[in-house]
C-alpha atoms as a PDB file:
ATOM      1  CA  MET A   1      -3.402  -1.191 -10.790  1.00  0.00           C
ATOM      2  CA  PHE A   2      -6.274  -2.095 -13.004  1.00  0.00           C
ATOM      3  CA  PHE A   3      -9.318   0.158 -12.896  1.00  0.00           C
ATOM      4  CA  ALA A   4      -7.661   2.514 -10.407  1.00  0.00           C
ATOM      5  CA  ASN A   5      -7.863   6.243 -10.836  1.00  0.00           C
ATOM      6  CA  LYS A   6      -5.609   9.001  -9.502  1.00  0.00           C
ATOM      7  CA  GLU A   7      -7.729   9.413  -6.396  1.00  0.00           C
ATOM      8  CA  ASP A   8      -7.442   5.704  -5.570  1.00  0.00           C
ATOM      9  CA  VAL A   9      -3.659   5.868  -5.864  1.00  0.00           C
ATOM     10  CA  GLU A  10      -3.446   9.003  -3.706  1.00  0.00           C
ATOM     11  CA  ASN A  11      -5.680   7.446  -1.047  1.00  0.00           C
ATOM     12  CA  CYS A  12      -3.479   4.359  -0.966  1.00  0.00           C
ATOM     13  CA  LYS A  13      -0.374   6.533  -0.710  1.00  0.00           C
ATOM     14  CA  ILE A  14      -1.842   8.302   2.344  1.00  0.00           C
ATOM     15  CA  ILE A  15      -2.605   4.953   3.989  1.00  0.00           C
ATOM     16  CA  VAL A  16       0.892   3.631   3.241  1.00  0.00           C
ATOM     17  CA  ARG A  17       2.554   6.785   4.600  1.00  0.00           C
ATOM     18  CA  LYS A  18       0.537   6.468   7.788  1.00  0.00           C
ATOM     19  CA  GLU A  19       1.636   2.850   8.192  1.00  0.00           C
ATOM     20  CA  ILE A  20       5.269   3.790   7.545  1.00  0.00           C
ATOM     21  CA  CYS A  21       5.076   6.447  10.266  1.00  0.00           C
ATOM     22  CA  GLU A  22       3.342   4.165  12.766  1.00  0.00           C
ATOM     23  CA  ARG A  23       6.010   1.508  12.293  1.00  0.00           C
ATOM     24  CA  SER A  24       8.928   3.978  12.104  1.00  0.00           C
ATOM     25  CA  LEU A  25      10.019   2.567   8.757  1.00  0.00           C
ATOM     26  CA  PHE A  26      11.064   5.912   7.317  1.00  0.00           C
ATOM     27  CA  GLN A  27      13.668   4.299   5.051  1.00  0.00           C
ATOM     28  CA  LEU A  28      10.724   3.159   2.907  1.00  0.00           C
ATOM     29  CA  GLU A  29       9.788   6.716   1.874  1.00  0.00           C
ATOM     30  CA  ASP A  30      12.059   6.331  -1.172  1.00  0.00           C
ATOM     31  CA  VAL A  31      10.100   3.330  -2.450  1.00  0.00           C
ATOM     32  CA  ILE A  32       6.586   4.407  -1.496  1.00  0.00           C
ATOM     33  CA  ASP A  33       5.398   4.392  -5.122  1.00  0.00           C
ATOM     34  CA  ASP A  34       6.544   0.787  -5.523  1.00  0.00           C
ATOM     35  CA  ILE A  35       4.779  -0.215  -2.300  1.00  0.00           C
ATOM     36  CA  VAL A  36       1.551   1.502  -3.374  1.00  0.00           C
ATOM     37  CA  GLN A  37       1.664  -0.270  -6.728  1.00  0.00           C
ATOM     38  CA  GLU A  38       2.203  -3.653  -5.071  1.00  0.00           C
ATOM     39  CA  ILE A  39      -0.621  -3.127  -2.579  1.00  0.00           C
ATOM     40  CA  MET A  40      -3.028  -1.992  -5.275  1.00  0.00           C
ATOM     41  CA  ASN A  41      -2.115  -4.971  -7.461  1.00  0.00           C
ATOM     42  CA  ILE A  42      -2.613  -7.365  -4.545  1.00  0.00           C
ATOM     43  CA  THR A  43      -5.954  -5.751  -3.743  1.00  0.00           C
ATOM     44  CA  TYR A  44      -7.103  -6.109  -7.336  1.00  0.00           C
ATOM     45  CA  SER A  45      -5.917  -9.706  -7.646  1.00  0.00           C
ATOM     46  CA  LYS A  46      -7.807 -10.685  -4.489  1.00  0.00           C
ATOM     47  CA  GLY A  47     -11.011  -9.187  -5.863  1.00  0.00           C
ATOM     48  CA  GLY A  48     -11.040  -6.209  -3.531  1.00  0.00           C
ATOM     49  CA  ASP A  49     -12.111  -2.702  -4.341  1.00  0.00           C
ATOM     50  CA  TYR A  50     -10.087   0.431  -3.692  1.00  0.00           C
ATOM     51  CA  LYS A  51     -12.165   1.715  -0.791  1.00  0.00           C
ATOM     52  CA  GLU A  52     -10.293   3.039   2.224  1.00  0.00           C
ATOM     53  CA  ASN A  53     -11.086   0.114   4.524  1.00  0.00           C
ATOM     54  CA  THR A  54      -9.998  -2.431   1.898  1.00  0.00           C
ATOM     55  CA  LEU A  55      -6.735  -0.640   1.147  1.00  0.00           C
ATOM     56  CA  THR A  56      -6.061  -0.249   4.865  1.00  0.00           C
ATOM     57  CA  ALA A  57      -6.561  -3.978   5.464  1.00  0.00           C
ATOM     58  CA  PHE A  58      -4.246  -4.979   2.609  1.00  0.00           C
ATOM     59  CA  THR A  59      -1.662  -2.393   3.669  1.00  0.00           C
ATOM     60  CA  LYS A  60      -1.593  -3.791   7.209  1.00  0.00           C
ATOM     61  CA  LEU A  61      -1.166  -7.335   5.862  1.00  0.00           C
ATOM     62  CA  TYR A  62       1.602  -6.148   3.543  1.00  0.00           C
ATOM     63  CA  PHE A  63       3.507  -4.586   6.426  1.00  0.00           C
ATOM     64  CA  ASP A  64       2.720  -7.345   8.942  1.00  0.00           C
ATOM     65  CA  ASN A  65       4.265  -9.880   6.561  1.00  0.00           C
ATOM     66  CA  GLU A  66       7.183  -7.540   5.795  1.00  0.00           C
ATOM     67  CA  PHE A  67       6.743  -7.845   2.037  1.00  0.00           C
ATOM     68  CA  TYR A  68       8.584  -4.514   1.753  1.00  0.00           C
ATOM     69  CA  ASN A  69      11.904  -6.228   2.626  1.00  0.00           C
ATOM     70  CA  LYS A  70      12.585  -7.016  -1.006  1.00  0.00           C
ATOM     71  CA  LEU A  71      12.586  -3.275  -1.751  1.00  0.00           C
ATOM     72  CA  LEU A  72      15.288  -2.419   0.787  1.00  0.00           C
END
């Protein structure tokens, strides 16, 4: 999570929680910090910023591709 501040992390956490609720994947609540870290690292590595729309897009891709499976 290079160049991310506390606010960026909290915003990502809100987006991830929303996605978890929408997909009824409540078992992921225990690993939400790991998911946030992965999404923020992916966002950074792809050259994205930490704005809400960017984090939302990467979060949707993360969940669409079920990258969270390795954390279960």
